[in-house]
Amino acid sequence: MPNLPYAGYRLLLVHAHPDDETINNGATMAKYAALGAQVTLVVCTRGEEGEVLVPGLAHLASSATDALGGHRELELASAMKELGISDFRFLGGEKKHYRDSGMMGTEYNNRTDVFWQADVDEAAGYLLDVIGEVRPHVLITYDEIGGYGHPDHIQAHRVAMRAAELSQDWHVQKIYWNAIPKSLIAHGIEEMKKTGSSFFGAESVDDLPFVKDDALVTTVVDAAEFVDRKMAAMKAHETQISLDGPFFALSNNLGLQVWGKEFYSLVGGERFGDLDSDGRETDLFAGVNRS
């Protein structure tokens, strides 16, 4: 029997679309799962309005056959296999299907079936069922602007926080929001400029809405040994993540290990345990009562 020091710990992640989980938390998920923790992923939509980056699959787009959602379900399953995650599900299960809302300000936002139009308490009720079943010690989701303003990310934040608030039978001991420290991306942009490339076309880190002032980043998970799994999972989301796109370009300039550290802001619960040289907590479960 292998030593699984995190057996009995439970982690719940709430994301908007397939691929968000891998980009933000792939190494974290793989690490804690390998150490024995129960990792549950809830995805709120199937990403039907995503851009299709593979020319041979362009027919899947919502403007064509509208079959992208089903394909992204398969991509998610492949990515989760790479990360070693067996418990992944869509919000609402068989009861409710929330559709991708598209980018902010687009016509898709007004469809009655999209996640952006969902009743927050109703959607939180579905997540509350998951919380009651899984009884997570730790919850991870987005910040109040959803990282970069996507309506589904904002709604995922609202639903996750509301569900945690409504939970009476189970207390989530620690809540984290995904974060990327400004200093990390600033360094990456400068390194990429040296090669004549850019990160999402940004000239300055201040052009990017999803970075956080370093002082707001409270926690880092160092999962360098799981970078290969994260990159394999990113490749599994082939319609959404281009192998020559900005994520892999950042890897080429800073090394693959840039994806081995994932950052968070602790917004619920107390900081515990050993801190790194930047004063950041290094274990999401530090101080958690494993019960």
C-alpha atoms as a PDB file:
ATOM      1  CA  MET A   1       0.000   0.000   0.000  1.00  0.00           C
ATOM      2  CA  PRO A   2       1.617   3.282  -1.118  1.00  0.00           C
ATOM      3  CA  ASN A   3       1.919   6.120   1.356  1.00  0.00           C
ATOM      4  CA  LEU A   4      -0.928   8.552   0.603  1.00  0.00           C
ATOM      5  CA  PRO A   5      -0.499  11.388   3.095  1.00  0.00           C
ATOM      6  CA  TYR A   6      -3.522  13.327   1.837  1.00  0.00           C
ATOM      7  CA  ALA A   7      -6.011  10.464   1.963  1.00  0.00           C
ATOM      8  CA  GLY A   8      -9.189  11.785   3.546  1.00  0.00           C
ATOM      9  CA  TYR A   9      -8.737  15.343   2.306  1.00  0.00           C
ATOM     10  CA  ARG A  10     -11.273  16.578  -0.239  1.00  0.00           C
ATOM     11  CA  LEU A  11     -10.933  19.348  -2.833  1.00  0.00           C
ATOM     12  CA  LEU A  12     -13.726  20.825  -4.978  1.00  0.00           C
ATOM     13  CA  LEU A  13     -13.032  22.986  -8.022  1.00  0.00           C
ATOM     14  CA  VAL A  14     -15.710  24.990  -9.866  1.00  0.00           C
ATOM     15  CA  HIS A  15     -14.928  26.067 -13.419  1.00  0.00           C
ATOM     16  CA  ALA A  16     -16.798  27.605 -16.324  1.00  0.00           C
ATOM     17  CA  HIS A  17     -15.713  25.565 -19.364  1.00  0.00           C
ATOM     18  CA  PRO A  18     -13.657  22.472 -20.156  1.00  0.00           C
ATOM     19  CA  ASP A  19      -9.956  23.503 -20.344  1.00  0.00           C
ATOM     20  CA  ASP A  20     -10.225  26.216 -17.647  1.00  0.00           C
ATOM     21  CA  GLU A  21      -9.463  23.622 -14.999  1.00  0.00           C
ATOM     22  CA  THR A  22      -6.250  22.460 -16.655  1.00  0.00           C
ATOM     23  CA  ILE A  23      -4.887  25.934 -17.393  1.00  0.00           C
ATOM     24  CA  ASN A  24      -5.567  27.199 -13.882  1.00  0.00           C
ATOM     25  CA  ASN A  25      -5.207  24.144 -11.670  1.00  0.00           C
ATOM     26  CA  GLY A  26      -3.930  21.163 -13.652  1.00  0.00           C
ATOM     27  CA  ALA A  27      -0.735  20.677 -11.647  1.00  0.00           C
ATOM     28  CA  THR A  28      -2.526  21.241  -8.341  1.00  0.00           C
ATOM     29  CA  MET A  29      -5.184  18.691  -9.211  1.00  0.00           C
ATOM     30  CA  ALA A  30      -2.651  16.088 -10.323  1.00  0.00           C
ATOM     31  CA  LYS A  31      -0.479  16.582  -7.242  1.00  0.00           C
ATOM     32  CA  TYR A  32      -3.174  16.282  -4.623  1.00  0.00           C
ATOM     33  CA  ALA A  33      -4.852  13.381  -6.392  1.00  0.00           C
ATOM     34  CA  ALA A  34      -1.535  11.525  -6.529  1.00  0.00           C
ATOM     35  CA  LEU A  35      -1.068  12.168  -2.802  1.00  0.00           C
ATOM     36  CA  GLY A  36      -4.418  10.590  -2.029  1.00  0.00           C
ATOM     37  CA  ALA A  37      -6.827  13.514  -1.818  1.00  0.00           C
ATOM     38  CA  GLN A  38     -10.274  13.244  -3.350  1.00  0.00           C
ATOM     39  CA  VAL A  39     -10.460  15.821  -6.138  1.00  0.00           C
ATOM     40  CA  THR A  40     -13.855  16.740  -7.590  1.00  0.00           C
ATOM     41  CA  LEU A  41     -14.278  19.020 -10.595  1.00  0.00           C
ATOM     42  CA  VAL A  42     -17.567  20.706 -11.467  1.00  0.00           C
ATOM     43  CA  VAL A  43     -17.723  22.397 -14.876  1.00  0.00           C
ATOM     44  CA  CYS A  44     -20.652  24.757 -15.393  1.00  0.00           C
ATOM     45  CA  THR A  45     -20.960  24.642 -19.210  1.00  0.00           C
ATOM     46  CA  ARG A  46     -19.692  22.527 -22.070  1.00  0.00           C
ATOM     47  CA  GLY A  47     -18.079  25.469 -23.859  1.00  0.00           C
ATOM     48  CA  GLU A  48     -20.342  25.393 -26.901  1.00  0.00           C
ATOM     49  CA  GLU A  49     -19.343  28.891 -28.027  1.00  0.00           C
ATOM     50  CA  GLY A  50     -15.601  28.353 -27.897  1.00  0.00           C
ATOM     51  CA  GLU A  51     -13.405  29.126 -30.868  1.00  0.00           C
ATOM     52  CA  VAL A  52     -12.292  25.985 -32.709  1.00  0.00           C
ATOM     53  CA  LEU A  53      -8.529  26.133 -33.233  1.00  0.00           C
ATOM     54  CA  VAL A  54      -8.268  22.906 -35.250  1.00  0.00           C
ATOM     55  CA  PRO A  55      -9.212  23.589 -38.901  1.00  0.00           C
ATOM     56  CA  GLY A  56     -10.330  20.014 -39.457  1.00  0.00           C
ATOM     57  CA  LEU A  57     -12.861  20.372 -36.641  1.00  0.00           C
ATOM     58  CA  ALA A  58     -14.281  23.738 -37.685  1.00  0.00           C
ATOM     59  CA  HIS A  59     -17.582  22.046 -38.496  1.00  0.00           C
ATOM     60  CA  LEU A  60     -18.179  21.589 -34.745  1.00  0.00           C
ATOM     61  CA  ALA A  61     -18.585  25.335 -34.141  1.00  0.00           C
ATOM     62  CA  SER A  62     -21.897  26.748 -32.940  1.00  0.00           C
ATOM     63  CA  SER A  63     -22.197  28.583 -36.258  1.00  0.00           C
ATOM     64  CA  ALA A  64     -22.021  25.239 -38.109  1.00  0.00           C
ATOM     65  CA  THR A  65     -23.235  21.921 -36.613  1.00  0.00           C
ATOM     66  CA  ASP A  66     -23.182  23.192 -33.010  1.00  0.00           C
ATOM     67  CA  ALA A  67     -21.506  19.989 -31.867  1.00  0.00           C
ATOM     68  CA  LEU A  68     -18.554  21.523 -30.040  1.00  0.00           C
ATOM     69  CA  GLY A  69     -20.014  20.956 -26.582  1.00  0.00           C
ATOM     70  CA  GLY A  70     -20.114  17.202 -27.020  1.00  0.00           C
ATOM     71  CA  HIS A  71     -16.581  17.181 -28.388  1.00  0.00           C
ATOM     72  CA  ARG A  72     -15.301  19.226 -25.459  1.00  0.00           C
ATOM     73  CA  GLU A  73     -16.829  16.699 -23.083  1.00  0.00           C
ATOM     74  CA  LEU A  74     -14.526  14.124 -24.680  1.00  0.00           C
ATOM     75  CA  GLU A  75     -11.560  16.472 -24.438  1.00  0.00           C
ATOM     76  CA  LEU A  76     -12.298  16.992 -20.756  1.00  0.00           C
ATOM     77  CA  ALA A  77     -12.406  13.245 -20.142  1.00  0.00           C
ATOM     78  CA  SER A  78      -9.044  12.836 -21.870  1.00  0.00           C
ATOM     79  CA  ALA A  79      -7.525  15.699 -19.874  1.00  0.00           C
ATOM     80  CA  MET A  80      -8.789  14.284 -16.592  1.00  0.00           C
ATOM     81  CA  LYS A  81      -7.277  10.911 -17.427  1.00  0.00           C
ATOM     82  CA  GLU A  82      -3.918  12.642 -17.862  1.00  0.00           C
ATOM     83  CA  LEU A  83      -4.286  14.365 -14.488  1.00  0.00           C
ATOM     84  CA  GLY A  84      -5.506  11.247 -12.685  1.00  0.00           C
ATOM     85  CA  ILE A  85      -8.931  12.686 -11.841  1.00  0.00           C
ATOM     86  CA  SER A  86     -11.929  10.350 -11.861  1.00  0.00           C
ATOM     87  CA  ASP A  87     -14.636  12.596 -10.364  1.00  0.00           C
ATOM     88  CA  PHE A  88     -15.558  15.277 -12.869  1.00  0.00           C
ATOM     89  CA  ARG A  89     -19.078  16.366 -13.702  1.00  0.00           C
ATOM     90  CA  PHE A  90     -21.201  19.146 -15.172  1.00  0.00           C
ATOM     91  CA  LEU A  91     -23.267  21.472 -13.016  1.00  0.00           C
ATOM     92  CA  GLY A  92     -26.876  20.332 -12.895  1.00  0.00           C
ATOM     93  CA  GLY A  93     -26.070  16.788 -13.975  1.00  0.00           C
ATOM     94  CA  GLU A  94     -29.068  15.213 -15.688  1.00  0.00           C
ATOM     95  CA  LYS A  95     -31.436  17.851 -14.291  1.00  0.00           C
ATOM     96  CA  LYS A  96     -30.105  20.967 -15.980  1.00  0.00           C
ATOM     97  CA  HIS A  97     -27.860  21.848 -18.922  1.00  0.00           C
ATOM     98  CA  TYR A  98     -26.280  25.289 -18.806  1.00  0.00           C
ATOM     99  CA  ARG A  99     -25.022  26.480 -22.169  1.00  0.00           C
ATOM    100  CA  ASP A 100     -21.876  28.523 -22.783  1.00  0.00           C
ATOM    101  CA  SER A 101     -22.724  32.240 -22.776  1.00  0.00           C
ATOM    102  CA  GLY A 102     -20.018  33.395 -25.160  1.00  0.00           C
ATOM    103  CA  MET A 103     -17.895  36.462 -24.556  1.00  0.00           C
ATOM    104  CA  MET A 104     -19.284  39.484 -22.713  1.00  0.00           C
ATOM    105  CA  GLY A 105     -21.548  41.690 -24.810  1.00  0.00           C
ATOM    106  CA  THR A 106     -22.286  39.118 -27.522  1.00  0.00           C
ATOM    107  CA  GLU A 107     -25.732  38.031 -28.674  1.00  0.00           C
ATOM    108  CA  TYR A 108     -25.278  34.649 -27.008  1.00  0.00           C
ATOM    109  CA  ASN A 109     -25.466  36.312 -23.572  1.00  0.00           C
ATOM    110  CA  ASN A 110     -29.183  36.914 -24.147  1.00  0.00           C
ATOM    111  CA  ARG A 111     -30.183  33.308 -24.798  1.00  0.00           C
ATOM    112  CA  THR A 112     -32.406  31.997 -22.023  1.00  0.00           C
ATOM    113  CA  ASP A 113     -30.472  28.729 -21.732  1.00  0.00           C
ATOM    114  CA  VAL A 114     -27.000  30.189 -21.180  1.00  0.00           C
ATOM    115  CA  PHE A 115     -25.233  30.151 -17.834  1.00  0.00           C
ATOM    116  CA  TRP A 116     -25.064  33.947 -17.663  1.00  0.00           C
ATOM    117  CA  GLN A 117     -28.869  34.006 -17.519  1.00  0.00           C
ATOM    118  CA  ALA A 118     -29.093  31.302 -14.856  1.00  0.00           C
ATOM    119  CA  ASP A 119     -30.802  31.988 -11.563  1.00  0.00           C
ATOM    120  CA  VAL A 120     -27.855  32.079  -9.157  1.00  0.00           C
ATOM    121  CA  ASP A 121     -29.712  30.450  -6.286  1.00  0.00           C
ATOM    122  CA  GLU A 122     -31.013  27.665  -8.508  1.00  0.00           C
ATOM    123  CA  ALA A 123     -27.552  26.975  -9.915  1.00  0.00           C
ATOM    124  CA  ALA A 124     -26.059  27.199  -6.425  1.00  0.00           C
ATOM    125  CA  GLY A 125     -28.599  24.606  -5.342  1.00  0.00           C
ATOM    126  CA  TYR A 126     -27.160  22.115  -7.812  1.00  0.00           C
ATOM    127  CA  LEU A 127     -23.676  22.811  -6.521  1.00  0.00           C
ATOM    128  CA  LEU A 128     -24.951  22.560  -2.965  1.00  0.00           C
ATOM    129  CA  ASP A 129     -25.974  18.982  -3.756  1.00  0.00           C
ATOM    130  CA  VAL A 130     -22.377  18.273  -4.767  1.00  0.00           C
ATOM    131  CA  ILE A 131     -21.050  19.891  -1.602  1.00  0.00           C
ATOM    132  CA  GLY A 132     -23.396  17.751   0.480  1.00  0.00           C
ATOM    133  CA  GLU A 133     -22.222  14.634  -1.309  1.00  0.00           C
ATOM    134  CA  VAL A 134     -18.484  15.332  -1.493  1.00  0.00           C
ATOM    135  CA  ARG A 135     -18.086  17.385   1.734  1.00  0.00           C
ATOM    136  CA  PRO A 136     -15.023  19.279   0.484  1.00  0.00           C
ATOM    137  CA  HIS A 137     -12.552  20.800   2.892  1.00  0.00           C
ATOM    138  CA  VAL A 138     -11.279  23.217   0.239  1.00  0.00           C
ATOM    139  CA  LEU A 139     -13.045  25.031  -2.619  1.00  0.00           C
ATOM    140  CA  ILE A 140     -11.323  26.670  -5.604  1.00  0.00           C
ATOM    141  CA  THR A 141     -13.026  29.002  -8.074  1.00  0.00           C
ATOM    142  CA  TYR A 142     -12.514  32.390  -9.776  1.00  0.00           C
ATOM    143  CA  ASP A 143     -12.403  35.884  -8.333  1.00  0.00           C
ATOM    144  CA  GLU A 144     -15.304  38.324  -8.602  1.00  0.00           C
ATOM    145  CA  ILE A 145     -14.415  39.335 -12.181  1.00  0.00           C
ATOM    146  CA  GLY A 146     -13.940  35.748 -13.274  1.00  0.00           C
ATOM    147  CA  GLY A 147     -10.261  36.312 -13.918  1.00  0.00           C
ATOM    148  CA  TYR A 148     -10.754  38.288 -17.106  1.00  0.00           C
ATOM    149  CA  GLY A 149     -14.405  39.221 -17.315  1.00  0.00           C
ATOM    150  CA  HIS A 150     -15.963  36.281 -19.132  1.00  0.00           C
ATOM    151  CA  PRO A 151     -19.642  36.084 -18.100  1.00  0.00           C
ATOM    152  CA  ASP A 152     -19.477  32.349 -17.385  1.00  0.00           C
ATOM    153  CA  HIS A 153     -16.428  32.802 -15.166  1.00  0.00           C
ATOM    154  CA  ILE A 154     -18.172  35.569 -13.239  1.00  0.00           C
ATOM    155  CA  GLN A 155     -21.262  33.421 -12.880  1.00  0.00           C
ATOM    156  CA  ALA A 156     -19.203  30.424 -11.747  1.00  0.00           C
ATOM    157  CA  HIS A 157     -17.713  32.640  -9.040  1.00  0.00           C
ATOM    158  CA  ARG A 158     -21.154  33.796  -7.932  1.00  0.00           C
ATOM    159  CA  VAL A 159     -22.585  30.280  -7.887  1.00  0.00           C
ATOM    160  CA  ALA A 160     -19.626  28.766  -6.037  1.00  0.00           C
ATOM    161  CA  MET A 161     -19.578  31.472  -3.388  1.00  0.00           C
ATOM    162  CA  ARG A 162     -23.349  31.340  -2.965  1.00  0.00           C
ATOM    163  CA  ALA A 163     -23.327  27.565  -2.566  1.00  0.00           C
ATOM    164  CA  ALA A 164     -20.621  27.789   0.098  1.00  0.00           C
ATOM    165  CA  GLU A 165     -22.679  30.452   1.855  1.00  0.00           C
ATOM    166  CA  LEU A 166     -25.857  28.364   1.729  1.00  0.00           C
ATOM    167  CA  SER A 167     -24.204  25.184   2.944  1.00  0.00           C
ATOM    168  CA  GLN A 168     -25.521  24.536   6.439  1.00  0.00           C
ATOM    169  CA  ASP A 169     -24.711  20.855   6.855  1.00  0.00           C
ATOM    170  CA  TRP A 170     -21.099  21.125   5.717  1.00  0.00           C
ATOM    171  CA  HIS A 171     -18.611  23.946   6.294  1.00  0.00           C
ATOM    172  CA  VAL A 172     -16.001  24.495   3.590  1.00  0.00           C
ATOM    173  CA  GLN A 173     -12.964  25.337   5.693  1.00  0.00           C
ATOM    174  CA  LYS A 174     -10.902  27.158   3.060  1.00  0.00           C
ATOM    175  CA  ILE A 175     -11.892  28.976  -0.132  1.00  0.00           C
ATOM    176  CA  TYR A 176      -9.387  30.035  -2.763  1.00  0.00           C
ATOM    177  CA  TRP A 177      -9.635  32.141  -5.886  1.00  0.00           C
ATOM    178  CA  ASN A 178      -7.299  31.468  -8.800  1.00  0.00           C
ATOM    179  CA  ALA A 179      -4.577  34.082  -9.121  1.00  0.00           C
ATOM    180  CA  ILE A 180      -1.584  34.819 -11.324  1.00  0.00           C
ATOM    181  CA  PRO A 181       1.018  37.159  -9.777  1.00  0.00           C
ATOM    182  CA  LYS A 182       1.847  40.202 -11.856  1.00  0.00           C
ATOM    183  CA  SER A 183       5.594  39.714 -11.437  1.00  0.00           C
ATOM    184  CA  LEU A 184       5.518  36.267 -13.053  1.00  0.00           C
ATOM    185  CA  ILE A 185       3.732  37.391 -16.201  1.00  0.00           C
ATOM    186  CA  ALA A 186       5.715  40.641 -16.397  1.00  0.00           C
ATOM    187  CA  HIS A 187       8.896  38.581 -16.526  1.00  0.00           C
ATOM    188  CA  GLY A 188       7.373  36.314 -19.154  1.00  0.00           C
ATOM    189  CA  ILE A 189       6.341  39.212 -21.371  1.00  0.00           C
ATOM    190  CA  GLU A 190       9.831  40.704 -21.255  1.00  0.00           C
ATOM    191  CA  GLU A 191      11.417  37.375 -22.127  1.00  0.00           C
ATOM    192  CA  MET A 192       9.014  36.870 -25.024  1.00  0.00           C
ATOM    193  CA  LYS A 193       9.703  40.361 -26.365  1.00  0.00           C
ATOM    194  CA  LYS A 194      13.341  39.352 -26.734  1.00  0.00           C
ATOM    195  CA  THR A 195      12.263  36.714 -29.236  1.00  0.00           C
ATOM    196  CA  GLY A 196       9.875  39.014 -31.072  1.00  0.00           C
ATOM    197  CA  SER A 197       6.727  37.356 -29.719  1.00  0.00           C
ATOM    198  CA  SER A 198       4.086  38.429 -27.236  1.00  0.00           C
ATOM    199  CA  PHE A 199       1.717  36.990 -24.668  1.00  0.00           C
ATOM    200  CA  PHE A 200      -1.871  37.569 -25.870  1.00  0.00           C
ATOM    201  CA  GLY A 201      -0.532  40.614 -27.739  1.00  0.00           C
ATOM    202  CA  ALA A 202       0.240  42.441 -24.503  1.00  0.00           C
ATOM    203  CA  GLU A 203       2.957  45.093 -24.513  1.00  0.00           C
ATOM    204  CA  SER A 204       2.791  45.420 -20.739  1.00  0.00           C
ATOM    205  CA  VAL A 205       1.546  43.256 -17.911  1.00  0.00           C
ATOM    206  CA  ASP A 206      -0.894  46.069 -17.119  1.00  0.00           C
ATOM    207  CA  ASP A 207      -2.693  45.242 -20.385  1.00  0.00           C
ATOM    208  CA  LEU A 208      -3.777  41.884 -18.957  1.00  0.00           C
ATOM    209  CA  PRO A 209      -6.883  41.815 -16.729  1.00  0.00           C
ATOM    210  CA  PHE A 210      -6.214  38.427 -15.151  1.00  0.00           C
ATOM    211  CA  VAL A 211      -2.973  39.221 -13.310  1.00  0.00           C
ATOM    212  CA  LYS A 212      -2.993  40.119  -9.618  1.00  0.00           C
ATOM    213  CA  ASP A 213      -0.778  42.391  -7.599  1.00  0.00           C
ATOM    214  CA  ASP A 214       1.695  40.128  -5.869  1.00  0.00           C
ATOM    215  CA  ALA A 215       0.481  41.281  -2.454  1.00  0.00           C
ATOM    216  CA  LEU A 216      -2.925  39.712  -3.149  1.00  0.00           C
ATOM    217  CA  VAL A 217      -1.461  36.290  -3.930  1.00  0.00           C
ATOM    218  CA  THR A 218      -1.433  34.420  -0.642  1.00  0.00           C
ATOM    219  CA  THR A 219      -0.727  30.851  -1.680  1.00  0.00           C
ATOM    220  CA  VAL A 220       1.362  28.831  -4.107  1.00  0.00           C
ATOM    221  CA  VAL A 221       1.271  25.128  -4.885  1.00  0.00           C
ATOM    222  CA  ASP A 222       4.592  23.863  -6.202  1.00  0.00           C
ATOM    223  CA  ALA A 223       3.824  20.814  -8.311  1.00  0.00           C
ATOM    224  CA  ALA A 224       6.816  20.826 -10.631  1.00  0.00           C
ATOM    225  CA  GLU A 225       6.869  17.043 -10.783  1.00  0.00           C
ATOM    226  CA  PHE A 226       3.413  17.113 -12.402  1.00  0.00           C
ATOM    227  CA  VAL A 227       4.171  19.568 -15.219  1.00  0.00           C
ATOM    228  CA  ASP A 228       4.267  16.832 -17.840  1.00  0.00           C
ATOM    229  CA  ARG A 229       0.800  15.697 -16.832  1.00  0.00           C
ATOM    230  CA  LYS A 230      -0.504  19.251 -16.992  1.00  0.00           C
ATOM    231  CA  MET A 231       0.957  19.808 -20.452  1.00  0.00           C
ATOM    232  CA  ALA A 232      -0.520  16.518 -21.671  1.00  0.00           C
ATOM    233  CA  ALA A 233      -3.896  17.599 -20.312  1.00  0.00           C
ATOM    234  CA  MET A 234      -3.577  20.967 -22.054  1.00  0.00           C
ATOM    235  CA  LYS A 235      -2.873  19.175 -25.317  1.00  0.00           C
ATOM    236  CA  ALA A 236      -5.995  17.066 -24.784  1.00  0.00           C
ATOM    237  CA  HIS A 237      -8.044  20.275 -25.080  1.00  0.00           C
ATOM    238  CA  GLU A 238      -6.983  20.502 -28.693  1.00  0.00           C
ATOM    239  CA  THR A 239      -9.849  22.668 -29.962  1.00  0.00           C
ATOM    240  CA  GLN A 240      -9.093  25.358 -27.365  1.00  0.00           C
ATOM    241  CA  ILE A 241      -5.341  25.404 -26.709  1.00  0.00           C
ATOM    242  CA  SER A 242      -2.989  25.820 -29.642  1.00  0.00           C
ATOM    243  CA  LEU A 243       0.413  24.165 -29.428  1.00  0.00           C
ATOM    244  CA  ASP A 244       1.957  27.317 -30.888  1.00  0.00           C
ATOM    245  CA  GLY A 245      -0.273  29.678 -28.919  1.00  0.00           C
ATOM    246  CA  PRO A 246       0.615  32.004 -26.031  1.00  0.00           C
ATOM    247  CA  PHE A 247       0.551  29.355 -23.298  1.00  0.00           C
ATOM    248  CA  PHE A 248       3.110  27.152 -24.989  1.00  0.00           C
ATOM    249  CA  ALA A 249       5.077  30.205 -26.129  1.00  0.00           C
ATOM    250  CA  LEU A 250       5.394  31.221 -22.483  1.00  0.00           C
ATOM    251  CA  SER A 251       6.667  27.735 -21.731  1.00  0.00           C
ATOM    252  CA  ASN A 252       9.246  28.007 -24.507  1.00  0.00           C
ATOM    253  CA  ASN A 253      10.613  31.244 -23.062  1.00  0.00           C
ATOM    254  CA  LEU A 254      10.466  30.527 -19.330  1.00  0.00           C
ATOM    255  CA  GLY A 255      10.651  26.754 -19.432  1.00  0.00           C
ATOM    256  CA  LEU A 256       7.917  24.217 -18.816  1.00  0.00           C
ATOM    257  CA  GLN A 257       8.412  24.615 -15.076  1.00  0.00           C
ATOM    258  CA  VAL A 258       6.546  27.934 -15.264  1.00  0.00           C
ATOM    259  CA  TRP A 259       3.402  25.800 -15.197  1.00  0.00           C
ATOM    260  CA  GLY A 260       4.578  23.810 -12.183  1.00  0.00           C
ATOM    261  CA  LYS A 261       3.605  26.539  -9.742  1.00  0.00           C
ATOM    262  CA  GLU A 262      -0.041  27.539  -9.439  1.00  0.00           C
ATOM    263  CA  PHE A 263      -1.139  30.531  -7.410  1.00  0.00           C
ATOM    264  CA  TYR A 264      -4.160  31.418  -5.304  1.00  0.00           C
ATOM    265  CA  SER A 265      -5.719  34.049  -3.085  1.00  0.00           C
ATOM    266  CA  LEU A 266      -7.139  32.725   0.172  1.00  0.00           C
ATOM    267  CA  VAL A 267     -10.512  34.404   0.752  1.00  0.00           C
ATOM    268  CA  GLY A 268     -12.122  32.030   3.241  1.00  0.00           C
ATOM    269  CA  GLY A 269     -10.362  30.471   6.215  1.00  0.00           C
ATOM    270  CA  GLU A 270      -6.989  31.154   7.749  1.00  0.00           C
ATOM    271  CA  ARG A 271      -3.452  30.875   6.410  1.00  0.00           C
ATOM    272  CA  PHE A 272      -1.513  28.069   8.069  1.00  0.00           C
ATOM    273  CA  GLY A 273       1.681  26.107   7.809  1.00  0.00           C
ATOM    274  CA  ASP A 274       5.060  26.851   6.294  1.00  0.00           C
ATOM    275  CA  LEU A 275       5.414  29.977   4.178  1.00  0.00           C
ATOM    276  CA  ASP A 276       7.791  30.369   1.248  1.00  0.00           C
ATOM    277  CA  SER A 277      10.306  33.193   0.803  1.00  0.00           C
ATOM    278  CA  ASP A 278       7.522  35.441  -0.519  1.00  0.00           C
ATOM    279  CA  GLY A 279       5.409  34.822   2.574  1.00  0.00           C
ATOM    280  CA  ARG A 280       2.992  32.564   0.743  1.00  0.00           C
ATOM    281  CA  GLU A 281       1.241  29.526   2.091  1.00  0.00           C
ATOM    282  CA  THR A 282       2.399  26.358   0.315  1.00  0.00           C
ATOM    283  CA  ASP A 283      -0.340  23.829   1.066  1.00  0.00           C
ATOM    284  CA  LEU A 284      -4.052  24.298   0.357  1.00  0.00           C
ATOM    285  CA  PHE A 285      -4.927  21.890   3.143  1.00  0.00           C
ATOM    286  CA  ALA A 286      -2.706  23.449   5.810  1.00  0.00           C
ATOM    287  CA  GLY A 287      -4.718  23.875   9.005  1.00  0.00           C
ATOM    288  CA  VAL A 288      -7.659  21.865   7.690  1.00  0.00           C
ATOM    289  CA  ASN A 289      -9.459  19.568  10.099  1.00  0.00           C
ATOM    290  CA  ARG A 290      -9.574  16.283   8.197  1.00  0.00           C
ATOM    291  CA  SER A 291     -13.004  15.015   9.212  1.00  0.00           C
END
